[in-house]
């Protein structure tokens, strides 16, 4: 599955500490395996410190928001 993210999301990922970046990348990998999300459904994935808000459109996962509490 292809992962697409808003520029704002990419900026956040580049600004977080390395440990948080690794956690976000792990979440990105996990949501890319999600085949149950439909276009109208927003989903969230949570790690220990970080989160993603995403939806899927066919074979594309769109990352709408990402954050980290560190």
N, C-alpha and C. Protein backbone atom coordinates (compact mmCIF):
# COMPACT_ATOMS: atom_id res chain seq x y z
N UNK A 1 0.84 -1.16 0.00
CA UNK A 1 0.00 0.00 0.00
C UNK A 1 0.90 1.24 0.00
N UNK A 2 0.53 2.24 -0.75
CA UNK A 2 1.27 3.50 -0.82
C UNK A 2 0.84 4.40 0.34
N UNK A 3 1.81 5.07 0.96
CA UNK A 3 1.53 6.01 2.05
C UNK A 3 1.78 7.42 1.54
N UNK A 4 0.76 8.29 1.67
CA UNK A 4 0.85 9.70 1.25
C UNK A 4 0.63 10.55 2.50
N UNK A 5 1.43 11.61 2.66
CA UNK A 5 1.23 12.48 3.82
C UNK A 5 1.26 13.94 3.42
N UNK A 6 0.55 14.74 4.17
CA UNK A 6 0.56 16.18 3.97
C UNK A 6 1.95 16.72 4.29
N UNK A 7 2.33 17.84 3.70
CA UNK A 7 3.64 18.44 3.96
C UNK A 7 3.82 18.76 5.44
N UNK A 8 2.74 19.18 6.10
CA UNK A 8 2.79 19.47 7.52
C UNK A 8 3.22 18.24 8.31
N UNK A 9 2.72 17.08 7.92
CA UNK A 9 3.08 15.83 8.58
C UNK A 9 4.56 15.53 8.39
N UNK A 10 5.03 15.69 7.17
CA UNK A 10 6.45 15.46 6.88
C UNK A 10 7.33 16.41 7.70
N UNK A 11 6.90 17.64 7.86
CA UNK A 11 7.65 18.61 8.66
C UNK A 11 7.74 18.19 10.12
N UNK A 12 6.64 17.69 10.66
CA UNK A 12 6.63 17.25 12.06
C UNK A 12 7.59 16.08 12.23
N UNK A 13 7.54 15.13 11.31
CA UNK A 13 8.40 13.95 11.40
C UNK A 13 9.87 14.35 11.39
N UNK A 14 10.21 15.35 10.60
CA UNK A 14 11.62 15.76 10.54
C UNK A 14 12.05 16.55 11.77
N UNK A 15 11.10 17.06 12.56
CA UNK A 15 11.43 17.90 13.72
C UNK A 15 11.43 17.16 15.06
N UNK A 16 10.96 15.92 15.09
CA UNK A 16 10.89 15.20 16.37
C UNK A 16 12.21 14.50 16.67
N UNK A 17 12.47 14.18 17.94
CA UNK A 17 13.69 13.44 18.28
C UNK A 17 13.74 12.07 17.60
N UNK A 18 14.94 11.51 17.48
CA UNK A 18 15.11 10.24 16.77
C UNK A 18 14.22 9.12 17.29
N UNK A 19 14.10 8.97 18.61
CA UNK A 19 13.27 7.91 19.17
C UNK A 19 11.82 8.06 18.77
N UNK A 20 11.32 9.29 18.77
CA UNK A 20 9.94 9.55 18.36
C UNK A 20 9.79 9.31 16.86
N UNK A 21 10.79 9.69 16.08
CA UNK A 21 10.74 9.47 14.64
C UNK A 21 10.65 7.97 14.34
N UNK A 22 11.42 7.17 15.07
CA UNK A 22 11.36 5.71 14.88
C UNK A 22 9.97 5.18 15.21
N UNK A 23 9.37 5.70 16.27
CA UNK A 23 8.02 5.27 16.65
C UNK A 23 7.01 5.66 15.58
N UNK A 24 7.11 6.86 15.04
CA UNK A 24 6.20 7.31 13.98
C UNK A 24 6.37 6.44 12.74
N UNK A 25 7.60 6.12 12.38
CA UNK A 25 7.84 5.26 11.22
C UNK A 25 7.24 3.88 11.45
N UNK A 26 7.33 3.36 12.67
CA UNK A 26 6.72 2.07 12.99
C UNK A 26 5.20 2.15 12.83
N UNK A 27 4.60 3.27 13.28
CA UNK A 27 3.16 3.45 13.11
C UNK A 27 2.79 3.55 11.63
N UNK A 28 3.60 4.26 10.84
CA UNK A 28 3.35 4.36 9.40
C UNK A 28 3.36 2.99 8.76
N UNK A 29 4.31 2.16 9.14
CA UNK A 29 4.38 0.80 8.60
C UNK A 29 3.13 0.02 8.99
N UNK A 30 2.72 0.13 10.25
CA UNK A 30 1.54 -0.61 10.72
C UNK A 30 0.28 -0.19 9.98
N UNK A 31 0.06 1.11 9.80
CA UNK A 31 -1.17 1.54 9.13
C UNK A 31 -1.14 1.22 7.64
N UNK A 32 0.05 1.07 7.06
CA UNK A 32 0.12 0.71 5.64
C UNK A 32 -0.39 -0.71 5.42
N UNK A 33 -0.47 -1.50 6.48
CA UNK A 33 -0.98 -2.88 6.40
C UNK A 33 -2.48 -2.95 6.68
N UNK A 34 -3.11 -1.84 7.04
CA UNK A 34 -4.54 -1.79 7.38
C UNK A 34 -5.36 -1.83 6.10
N UNK A 35 -6.08 -2.92 5.90
CA UNK A 35 -6.92 -3.04 4.70
C UNK A 35 -8.40 -2.82 5.00
N UNK A 36 -8.75 -2.53 6.26
CA UNK A 36 -10.17 -2.41 6.62
C UNK A 36 -10.69 -0.98 6.56
N UNK A 37 -9.83 0.01 6.47
CA UNK A 37 -10.27 1.41 6.48
C UNK A 37 -10.85 1.80 5.12
N UNK A 38 -11.98 2.47 5.14
CA UNK A 38 -12.61 2.97 3.93
C UNK A 38 -12.45 4.49 3.89
N UNK A 39 -12.70 5.10 2.73
CA UNK A 39 -12.44 6.53 2.52
C UNK A 39 -13.18 7.42 3.52
N UNK A 40 -14.39 7.04 3.92
CA UNK A 40 -15.16 7.90 4.82
C UNK A 40 -14.72 7.76 6.27
N UNK A 41 -13.92 6.76 6.58
CA UNK A 41 -13.54 6.49 7.96
C UNK A 41 -12.18 7.10 8.30
N UNK A 42 -12.14 7.87 9.35
CA UNK A 42 -10.86 8.32 9.89
C UNK A 42 -10.44 7.31 10.95
N UNK A 43 -9.17 7.01 10.99
CA UNK A 43 -8.65 6.10 12.00
C UNK A 43 -7.47 6.75 12.68
N UNK A 44 -7.15 6.24 13.85
CA UNK A 44 -5.98 6.72 14.59
C UNK A 44 -5.13 5.52 14.99
N UNK A 45 -3.84 5.74 15.02
CA UNK A 45 -2.90 4.73 15.51
C UNK A 45 -2.07 5.40 16.59
N UNK A 46 -1.87 4.70 17.70
CA UNK A 46 -1.16 5.27 18.83
C UNK A 46 0.02 4.39 19.22
N UNK A 47 1.14 5.02 19.45
CA UNK A 47 2.31 4.36 20.02
C UNK A 47 2.43 4.80 21.47
N UNK A 48 3.59 4.59 22.05
CA UNK A 48 3.80 4.99 23.44
C UNK A 48 3.72 6.50 23.61
N UNK A 49 4.30 7.26 22.67
CA UNK A 49 4.33 8.72 22.76
C UNK A 49 3.72 9.42 21.55
N UNK A 50 3.53 8.72 20.45
CA UNK A 50 3.16 9.36 19.18
C UNK A 50 1.84 8.82 18.65
N UNK A 51 1.26 9.54 17.71
CA UNK A 51 0.00 9.13 17.09
C UNK A 51 -0.05 9.57 15.65
N UNK A 52 -0.94 8.90 14.90
CA UNK A 52 -1.25 9.24 13.51
C UNK A 52 -2.75 9.29 13.35
N UNK A 53 -3.25 10.20 12.53
CA UNK A 53 -4.64 10.20 12.08
C UNK A 53 -4.57 9.93 10.59
N UNK A 54 -5.33 8.95 10.12
CA UNK A 54 -5.22 8.56 8.72
C UNK A 54 -6.53 8.03 8.17
N UNK A 55 -6.59 7.89 6.86
CA UNK A 55 -7.69 7.25 6.17
C UNK A 55 -7.10 6.55 4.95
N UNK A 56 -7.90 5.71 4.32
CA UNK A 56 -7.42 4.99 3.14
C UNK A 56 -8.34 5.26 1.96
N UNK A 57 -7.75 5.32 0.80
CA UNK A 57 -8.48 5.49 -0.46
C UNK A 57 -7.95 4.42 -1.41
N UNK A 58 -8.67 3.32 -1.51
CA UNK A 58 -8.19 2.23 -2.36
C UNK A 58 -6.88 1.69 -1.84
N UNK A 59 -5.82 1.83 -2.63
CA UNK A 59 -4.52 1.29 -2.28
C UNK A 59 -3.58 2.35 -1.69
N UNK A 60 -4.14 3.47 -1.23
CA UNK A 60 -3.34 4.58 -0.69
C UNK A 60 -3.80 4.90 0.73
N UNK A 61 -2.84 4.97 1.65
CA UNK A 61 -3.12 5.43 3.01
C UNK A 61 -2.72 6.90 3.06
N UNK A 62 -3.65 7.76 3.45
CA UNK A 62 -3.38 9.19 3.54
C UNK A 62 -3.20 9.58 5.01
N UNK A 63 -2.02 10.06 5.36
CA UNK A 63 -1.73 10.49 6.72
C UNK A 63 -2.16 11.95 6.84
N UNK A 64 -3.12 12.21 7.73
CA UNK A 64 -3.68 13.55 7.87
C UNK A 64 -3.05 14.35 9.01
N UNK A 65 -2.61 13.64 10.04
CA UNK A 65 -2.02 14.33 11.19
C UNK A 65 -1.07 13.38 11.89
N UNK A 66 -0.07 13.93 12.50
CA UNK A 66 0.89 13.15 13.29
C UNK A 66 1.32 14.02 14.46
N UNK A 67 1.58 13.40 15.57
CA UNK A 67 2.03 14.17 16.71
C UNK A 67 2.83 13.32 17.67
N UNK A 68 3.47 14.00 18.58
CA UNK A 68 4.32 13.33 19.56
C UNK A 68 4.25 14.11 20.86
N UNK A 69 4.13 13.42 21.98
CA UNK A 69 4.02 14.08 23.28
C UNK A 69 5.38 14.32 23.93
N UNK A 70 6.45 14.01 23.25
CA UNK A 70 7.79 14.22 23.82
C UNK A 70 8.28 15.60 23.52
